[in-house]
């Protein structure tokens, strides 16, 4: 029997092309999303308590993702009919209308993304992939099945990736960093001359740690 290998994409890799069935119909990912940011997140199983809290939390922040030009996509190895029934249950019982598609992944897709947890059966782990408009994987988060995610951190991660692409590095806990608040870290000096001028051109603690205001 041929051994199945898990080959999850790494940061900077192209997100692997997937032809999938979803609650919104067939999709090609990332082909159908070229030119957009998207967050693809997996969950272990439909009709489970932690996953239900996560889907409600993602939907509560749906408009925030839309404002960032970022699409949301859920995924597990449950079949589409199970996803549909679960979404209906959430709407009927919790009064929350899930607006983003949910992928019905098979084991091959889950293995391609490194989402099957060895020793945990066929359930997918709680993975988060943030992918940019060029279909490059920019951030990956992995959580065990027992721990729900913090969706505010996922929103923040998309926001700071977009900011860092245009303005520079972003500090820990942005926009509430303990040292520089919501200011942006200036890229490192590339020469002695640049280092000597750095404190004249910017505010900072030293030439290697300078910062500037966030451009609105």
C-alpha atoms as a PDB file:
ATOM      1  CA  UNK A   1       0.000   0.000   0.000  1.00  0.00           C
ATOM      2  CA  UNK A   2       1.403   3.393  -0.992  1.00  0.00           C
ATOM      3  CA  UNK A   3       2.085   5.657   1.957  1.00  0.00           C
ATOM      4  CA  UNK A   4       0.149   8.945   1.953  1.00  0.00           C
ATOM      5  CA  UNK A   5       2.322  11.981   2.546  1.00  0.00           C
ATOM      6  CA  UNK A   6       1.283  15.249   4.124  1.00  0.00           C
ATOM      7  CA  UNK A   7       2.696  18.155   2.134  1.00  0.00           C
ATOM      8  CA  UNK A   8       1.298  21.308   3.651  1.00  0.00           C
ATOM      9  CA  UNK A   9       2.186  24.573   1.865  1.00  0.00           C
ATOM     10  CA  UNK A  10       4.790  26.750   3.560  1.00  0.00           C
ATOM     11  CA  UNK A  11       4.847  30.522   3.959  1.00  0.00           C
ATOM     12  CA  UNK A  12       5.420  32.129   0.584  1.00  0.00           C
ATOM     13  CA  UNK A  13       4.314  29.052  -1.365  1.00  0.00           C
ATOM     14  CA  UNK A  14       1.540  29.134  -3.920  1.00  0.00           C
ATOM     15  CA  UNK A  15      -1.660  27.861  -2.359  1.00  0.00           C
ATOM     16  CA  UNK A  16      -2.322  24.460  -3.996  1.00  0.00           C
ATOM     17  CA  UNK A  17      -5.067  24.390  -6.610  1.00  0.00           C
ATOM     18  CA  UNK A  18      -8.149  22.628  -5.282  1.00  0.00           C
ATOM     19  CA  UNK A  19     -11.349  21.729  -7.114  1.00  0.00           C
ATOM     20  CA  UNK A  20     -13.953  21.446  -4.396  1.00  0.00           C
ATOM     21  CA  UNK A  21     -17.647  21.187  -3.657  1.00  0.00           C
ATOM     22  CA  UNK A  22     -19.039  23.776  -1.249  1.00  0.00           C
ATOM     23  CA  UNK A  23     -22.322  24.948   0.208  1.00  0.00           C
ATOM     24  CA  UNK A  24     -22.218  27.703  -2.464  1.00  0.00           C
ATOM     25  CA  UNK A  25     -21.540  25.282  -5.333  1.00  0.00           C
ATOM     26  CA  UNK A  26     -18.311  24.121  -7.027  1.00  0.00           C
ATOM     27  CA  UNK A  27     -15.194  26.257  -6.538  1.00  0.00           C
ATOM     28  CA  UNK A  28     -11.614  26.332  -7.754  1.00  0.00           C
ATOM     29  CA  UNK A  29      -9.378  27.529  -4.929  1.00  0.00           C
ATOM     30  CA  UNK A  30      -7.399  29.739  -5.300  1.00  0.00           C
ATOM     31  CA  UNK A  31      -8.285  30.213  -8.987  1.00  0.00           C
ATOM     32  CA  UNK A  32     -11.730  31.683  -8.348  1.00  0.00           C
ATOM     33  CA  UNK A  33     -10.247  34.054  -5.764  1.00  0.00           C
ATOM     34  CA  UNK A  34      -7.316  35.425  -7.772  1.00  0.00           C
ATOM     35  CA  UNK A  35      -6.840  39.098  -6.959  1.00  0.00           C
ATOM     36  CA  UNK A  36      -8.433  38.765  -3.506  1.00  0.00           C
ATOM     37  CA  UNK A  37      -7.232  38.023  -0.030  1.00  0.00           C
ATOM     38  CA  UNK A  38      -8.889  35.004   1.521  1.00  0.00           C
ATOM     39  CA  UNK A  39      -8.920  33.081   4.776  1.00  0.00           C
ATOM     40  CA  UNK A  40      -9.483  29.347   4.511  1.00  0.00           C
ATOM     41  CA  UNK A  41     -10.054  27.715   7.875  1.00  0.00           C
ATOM     42  CA  UNK A  42     -10.715  24.079   8.650  1.00  0.00           C
ATOM     43  CA  UNK A  43     -12.739  22.616  11.484  1.00  0.00           C
ATOM     44  CA  UNK A  44     -12.833  19.056  12.839  1.00  0.00           C
ATOM     45  CA  UNK A  45     -16.520  18.303  12.275  1.00  0.00           C
ATOM     46  CA  UNK A  46     -20.017  19.707  11.824  1.00  0.00           C
ATOM     47  CA  UNK A  47     -22.477  19.572  14.711  1.00  0.00           C
ATOM     48  CA  UNK A  48     -19.795  19.898  17.378  1.00  0.00           C
ATOM     49  CA  UNK A  49     -19.852  22.550  20.120  1.00  0.00           C
ATOM     50  CA  UNK A  50     -16.445  24.227  19.658  1.00  0.00           C
ATOM     51  CA  UNK A  51     -16.822  24.369  15.872  1.00  0.00           C
ATOM     52  CA  UNK A  52     -20.288  25.879  16.235  1.00  0.00           C
ATOM     53  CA  UNK A  53     -18.924  28.659  18.442  1.00  0.00           C
ATOM     54  CA  UNK A  54     -16.192  29.284  15.875  1.00  0.00           C
ATOM     55  CA  UNK A  55     -18.563  29.548  12.924  1.00  0.00           C
ATOM     56  CA  UNK A  56     -20.777  31.997  14.787  1.00  0.00           C
ATOM     57  CA  UNK A  57     -17.696  34.040  15.736  1.00  0.00           C
ATOM     58  CA  UNK A  58     -16.403  34.108  12.145  1.00  0.00           C
ATOM     59  CA  UNK A  59     -19.830  35.165  10.851  1.00  0.00           C
ATOM     60  CA  UNK A  60     -20.056  37.933  13.480  1.00  0.00           C
ATOM     61  CA  UNK A  61     -16.856  39.350  11.927  1.00  0.00           C
ATOM     62  CA  UNK A  62     -17.879  38.696   8.313  1.00  0.00           C
ATOM     63  CA  UNK A  63     -18.328  42.420   7.569  1.00  0.00           C
ATOM     64  CA  UNK A  64     -14.863  43.184   8.987  1.00  0.00           C
ATOM     65  CA  UNK A  65     -13.305  40.695   6.577  1.00  0.00           C
ATOM     66  CA  UNK A  66     -15.333  42.150   3.709  1.00  0.00           C
ATOM     67  CA  UNK A  67     -14.067  45.655   4.536  1.00  0.00           C
ATOM     68  CA  UNK A  68     -10.536  44.278   4.186  1.00  0.00           C
ATOM     69  CA  UNK A  69     -11.385  42.788   0.783  1.00  0.00           C
ATOM     70  CA  UNK A  70     -10.956  39.324   2.261  1.00  0.00           C
ATOM     71  CA  UNK A  71     -13.150  36.287   1.623  1.00  0.00           C
ATOM     72  CA  UNK A  72     -13.886  33.629   4.242  1.00  0.00           C
ATOM     73  CA  UNK A  73     -14.025  29.903   3.436  1.00  0.00           C
ATOM     74  CA  UNK A  74     -14.701  27.093   5.912  1.00  0.00           C
ATOM     75  CA  UNK A  75     -13.678  23.472   5.384  1.00  0.00           C
ATOM     76  CA  UNK A  76     -13.994  20.013   6.892  1.00  0.00           C
ATOM     77  CA  UNK A  77     -14.185  16.447   5.597  1.00  0.00           C
ATOM     78  CA  UNK A  78     -17.930  16.333   6.224  1.00  0.00           C
ATOM     79  CA  UNK A  79     -20.104  16.058   3.116  1.00  0.00           C
ATOM     80  CA  UNK A  80     -21.938  19.036   1.628  1.00  0.00           C
ATOM     81  CA  UNK A  81     -25.358  17.847   2.850  1.00  0.00           C
ATOM     82  CA  UNK A  82     -23.997  17.810   6.418  1.00  0.00           C
ATOM     83  CA  UNK A  83     -22.645  21.352   6.011  1.00  0.00           C
ATOM     84  CA  UNK A  84     -26.006  22.523   4.652  1.00  0.00           C
ATOM     85  CA  UNK A  85     -27.957  20.938   7.507  1.00  0.00           C
ATOM     86  CA  UNK A  86     -25.567  22.410  10.092  1.00  0.00           C
ATOM     87  CA  UNK A  87     -25.803  25.902   8.561  1.00  0.00           C
ATOM     88  CA  UNK A  88     -29.609  25.585   8.647  1.00  0.00           C
ATOM     89  CA  UNK A  89     -29.454  24.512  12.312  1.00  0.00           C
ATOM     90  CA  UNK A  90     -27.259  27.502  13.205  1.00  0.00           C
ATOM     91  CA  UNK A  91     -29.715  29.853  11.474  1.00  0.00           C
ATOM     92  CA  UNK A  92     -32.810  28.269  13.026  1.00  0.00           C
ATOM     93  CA  UNK A  93     -31.512  27.736  16.553  1.00  0.00           C
ATOM     94  CA  UNK A  94     -28.897  30.478  16.993  1.00  0.00           C
ATOM     95  CA  UNK A  95     -30.333  33.099  14.607  1.00  0.00           C
ATOM     96  CA  UNK A  96     -27.008  33.469  12.779  1.00  0.00           C
ATOM     97  CA  UNK A  97     -26.927  33.248   8.970  1.00  0.00           C
ATOM     98  CA  UNK A  98     -23.596  31.823   7.761  1.00  0.00           C
ATOM     99  CA  UNK A  99     -22.769  33.796   4.589  1.00  0.00           C
ATOM    100  CA  UNK A 100     -19.477  32.204   3.564  1.00  0.00           C
ATOM    101  CA  UNK A 101     -19.024  28.880   1.723  1.00  0.00           C
ATOM    102  CA  UNK A 102     -18.010  25.666   3.463  1.00  0.00           C
ATOM    103  CA  UNK A 103     -15.865  23.189   1.541  1.00  0.00           C
ATOM    104  CA  UNK A 104     -16.558  19.463   1.660  1.00  0.00           C
ATOM    105  CA  UNK A 105     -12.974  18.224   1.612  1.00  0.00           C
ATOM    106  CA  UNK A 106     -11.919  14.653   1.016  1.00  0.00           C
ATOM    107  CA  UNK A 107      -8.912  13.063   2.714  1.00  0.00           C
ATOM    108  CA  UNK A 108      -6.693  13.831  -0.292  1.00  0.00           C
ATOM    109  CA  UNK A 109      -7.432  17.563  -0.034  1.00  0.00           C
ATOM    110  CA  UNK A 110      -7.006  17.548   3.730  1.00  0.00           C
ATOM    111  CA  UNK A 111      -3.661  15.753   3.424  1.00  0.00           C
ATOM    112  CA  UNK A 112      -2.517  18.218   0.755  1.00  0.00           C
ATOM    113  CA  UNK A 113      -3.058  21.012   3.274  1.00  0.00           C
ATOM    114  CA  UNK A 114      -1.656  19.095   6.254  1.00  0.00           C
ATOM    115  CA  UNK A 115      -4.998  19.198   8.028  1.00  0.00           C
ATOM    116  CA  UNK A 116      -5.372  15.585   9.118  1.00  0.00           C
ATOM    117  CA  UNK A 117      -4.047  15.072  12.624  1.00  0.00           C
ATOM    118  CA  UNK A 118      -2.137  11.766  13.052  1.00  0.00           C
ATOM    119  CA  UNK A 119      -3.763   9.711  15.772  1.00  0.00           C
ATOM    120  CA  UNK A 120      -6.965  11.742  15.728  1.00  0.00           C
ATOM    121  CA  UNK A 121      -8.884   9.790  13.113  1.00  0.00           C
ATOM    122  CA  UNK A 122     -10.188  11.500   9.993  1.00  0.00           C
ATOM    123  CA  UNK A 123     -11.195  14.782  11.617  1.00  0.00           C
ATOM    124  CA  UNK A 124      -9.342  17.854  10.386  1.00  0.00           C
ATOM    125  CA  UNK A 125      -7.342  20.044  12.748  1.00  0.00           C
ATOM    126  CA  UNK A 126      -8.185  23.725  13.222  1.00  0.00           C
ATOM    127  CA  UNK A 127      -5.979  25.224  10.526  1.00  0.00           C
ATOM    128  CA  UNK A 128      -6.060  28.806   9.240  1.00  0.00           C
ATOM    129  CA  UNK A 129      -4.465  29.822   5.942  1.00  0.00           C
ATOM    130  CA  UNK A 130      -4.307  33.498   5.004  1.00  0.00           C
ATOM    131  CA  UNK A 131      -3.643  33.866   1.283  1.00  0.00           C
ATOM    132  CA  UNK A 132      -2.885  37.090  -0.598  1.00  0.00           C
ATOM    133  CA  UNK A 133      -4.185  38.320  -3.997  1.00  0.00           C
ATOM    134  CA  UNK A 134      -1.248  36.598  -5.727  1.00  0.00           C
ATOM    135  CA  UNK A 135      -2.365  33.257  -4.226  1.00  0.00           C
ATOM    136  CA  UNK A 136       0.689  33.163  -1.923  1.00  0.00           C
ATOM    137  CA  UNK A 137       0.331  31.673   1.556  1.00  0.00           C
ATOM    138  CA  UNK A 138       1.161  34.513   3.947  1.00  0.00           C
ATOM    139  CA  UNK A 139       0.251  33.130   7.374  1.00  0.00           C
ATOM    140  CA  UNK A 140      -0.607  29.730   8.833  1.00  0.00           C
ATOM    141  CA  UNK A 141      -2.106  28.997  12.255  1.00  0.00           C
ATOM    142  CA  UNK A 142      -2.708  25.519  13.673  1.00  0.00           C
ATOM    143  CA  UNK A 143      -4.789  24.714  16.730  1.00  0.00           C
ATOM    144  CA  UNK A 144      -5.561  21.333  18.323  1.00  0.00           C
ATOM    145  CA  UNK A 145      -9.132  20.088  18.131  1.00  0.00           C
ATOM    146  CA  UNK A 146      -9.783  20.881  21.781  1.00  0.00           C
ATOM    147  CA  UNK A 147      -9.062  24.642  21.546  1.00  0.00           C
ATOM    148  CA  UNK A 148     -11.195  27.189  19.715  1.00  0.00           C
ATOM    149  CA  UNK A 149      -9.573  30.021  17.790  1.00  0.00           C
ATOM    150  CA  UNK A 150      -9.530  33.759  18.502  1.00  0.00           C
ATOM    151  CA  UNK A 151     -11.205  35.310  15.451  1.00  0.00           C
ATOM    152  CA  UNK A 152     -10.141  38.843  16.373  1.00  0.00           C
ATOM    153  CA  UNK A 153      -6.549  37.678  15.890  1.00  0.00           C
ATOM    154  CA  UNK A 154      -7.411  36.360  12.418  1.00  0.00           C
ATOM    155  CA  UNK A 155      -8.930  39.745  11.497  1.00  0.00           C
ATOM    156  CA  UNK A 156      -5.878  41.510  12.947  1.00  0.00           C
ATOM    157  CA  UNK A 157      -3.520  39.229  11.036  1.00  0.00           C
ATOM    158  CA  UNK A 158      -5.150  40.063   7.683  1.00  0.00           C
ATOM    159  CA  UNK A 159      -5.080  43.761   8.522  1.00  0.00           C
ATOM    160  CA  UNK A 160      -1.424  43.841   9.570  1.00  0.00           C
ATOM    161  CA  UNK A 161      -0.312  41.794   6.569  1.00  0.00           C
ATOM    162  CA  UNK A 162      -1.936  44.386   4.322  1.00  0.00           C
ATOM    163  CA  UNK A 163      -0.359  47.240   6.273  1.00  0.00           C
ATOM    164  CA  UNK A 164       3.106  45.668   6.379  1.00  0.00           C
ATOM    165  CA  UNK A 165       3.063  45.127   2.606  1.00  0.00           C
ATOM    166  CA  UNK A 166       2.736  48.884   2.104  1.00  0.00           C
ATOM    167  CA  UNK A 167       4.276  50.566   5.142  1.00  0.00           C
ATOM    168  CA  UNK A 168       6.746  48.386   7.089  1.00  0.00           C
ATOM    169  CA  UNK A 169       6.898  45.939   9.975  1.00  0.00           C
ATOM    170  CA  UNK A 170       4.120  45.795  12.559  1.00  0.00           C
ATOM    171  CA  UNK A 171       4.836  45.482  16.287  1.00  0.00           C
ATOM    172  CA  UNK A 172       3.526  42.861  18.706  1.00  0.00           C
ATOM    173  CA  UNK A 173      -0.097  43.368  19.718  1.00  0.00           C
ATOM    174  CA  UNK A 174      -0.647  46.067  17.093  1.00  0.00           C
ATOM    175  CA  UNK A 175      -2.436  48.475  17.320  1.00  0.00           C
ATOM    176  CA  UNK A 176      -1.922  48.434  21.103  1.00  0.00           C
ATOM    177  CA  UNK A 177       1.801  47.748  21.395  1.00  0.00           C
ATOM    178  CA  UNK A 178       3.225  48.572  24.811  1.00  0.00           C
ATOM    179  CA  UNK A 179       6.153  50.554  23.353  1.00  0.00           C
ATOM    180  CA  UNK A 180       4.949  52.297  20.203  1.00  0.00           C
ATOM    181  CA  UNK A 181       1.161  51.919  20.063  1.00  0.00           C
ATOM    182  CA  UNK A 182      -0.074  51.755  16.464  1.00  0.00           C
ATOM    183  CA  UNK A 183       3.081  53.179  14.889  1.00  0.00           C
ATOM    184  CA  UNK A 184       4.931  51.270  12.172  1.00  0.00           C
ATOM    185  CA  UNK A 185       8.512  49.965  12.512  1.00  0.00           C
ATOM    186  CA  UNK A 186      10.898  51.397   9.928  1.00  0.00           C
ATOM    187  CA  UNK A 187      12.769  48.732   7.897  1.00  0.00           C
ATOM    188  CA  UNK A 188      16.379  48.095   9.031  1.00  0.00           C
ATOM    189  CA  UNK A 189      19.218  50.277   7.799  1.00  0.00           C
ATOM    190  CA  UNK A 190      21.130  48.769   4.877  1.00  0.00           C
ATOM    191  CA  UNK A 191      24.372  50.715   5.226  1.00  0.00           C
ATOM    192  CA  UNK A 192      26.504  52.543   7.798  1.00  0.00           C
ATOM    193  CA  UNK A 193      25.503  55.887   6.267  1.00  0.00           C
ATOM    194  CA  UNK A 194      21.829  54.988   6.504  1.00  0.00           C
ATOM    195  CA  UNK A 195      22.244  53.883  10.123  1.00  0.00           C
ATOM    196  CA  UNK A 196      23.947  57.157  11.085  1.00  0.00           C
ATOM    197  CA  UNK A 197      21.071  59.210   9.627  1.00  0.00           C
ATOM    198  CA  UNK A 198      18.271  57.009  10.906  1.00  0.00           C
ATOM    199  CA  UNK A 199      17.703  58.855  14.208  1.00  0.00           C
ATOM    200  CA  UNK A 200      17.650  62.188  12.349  1.00  0.00           C
ATOM    201  CA  UNK A 201      14.941  61.017   9.982  1.00  0.00           C
ATOM    202  CA  UNK A 202      12.721  59.085  12.388  1.00  0.00           C
ATOM    203  CA  UNK A 203      11.713  58.768  16.021  1.00  0.00           C
ATOM    204  CA  UNK A 204      13.083  55.741  17.823  1.00  0.00           C
ATOM    205  CA  UNK A 205      15.025  54.126  20.654  1.00  0.00           C
ATOM    206  CA  UNK A 206      18.158  53.554  18.574  1.00  0.00           C
ATOM    207  CA  UNK A 207      19.103  53.454  14.888  1.00  0.00           C
ATOM    208  CA  UNK A 208      17.984  49.827  14.637  1.00  0.00           C
ATOM    209  CA  UNK A 209      14.614  50.477  16.311  1.00  0.00           C
ATOM    210  CA  UNK A 210      12.899  53.430  14.673  1.00  0.00           C
ATOM    211  CA  UNK A 211       9.227  53.953  14.018  1.00  0.00           C
ATOM    212  CA  UNK A 212       6.860  56.200  12.089  1.00  0.00           C
ATOM    213  CA  UNK A 213       3.150  57.088  12.147  1.00  0.00           C
ATOM    214  CA  UNK A 214       0.628  54.760  10.553  1.00  0.00           C
ATOM    215  CA  UNK A 215      -0.516  56.101   7.202  1.00  0.00           C
ATOM    216  CA  UNK A 216      -4.300  56.201   7.188  1.00  0.00           C
END
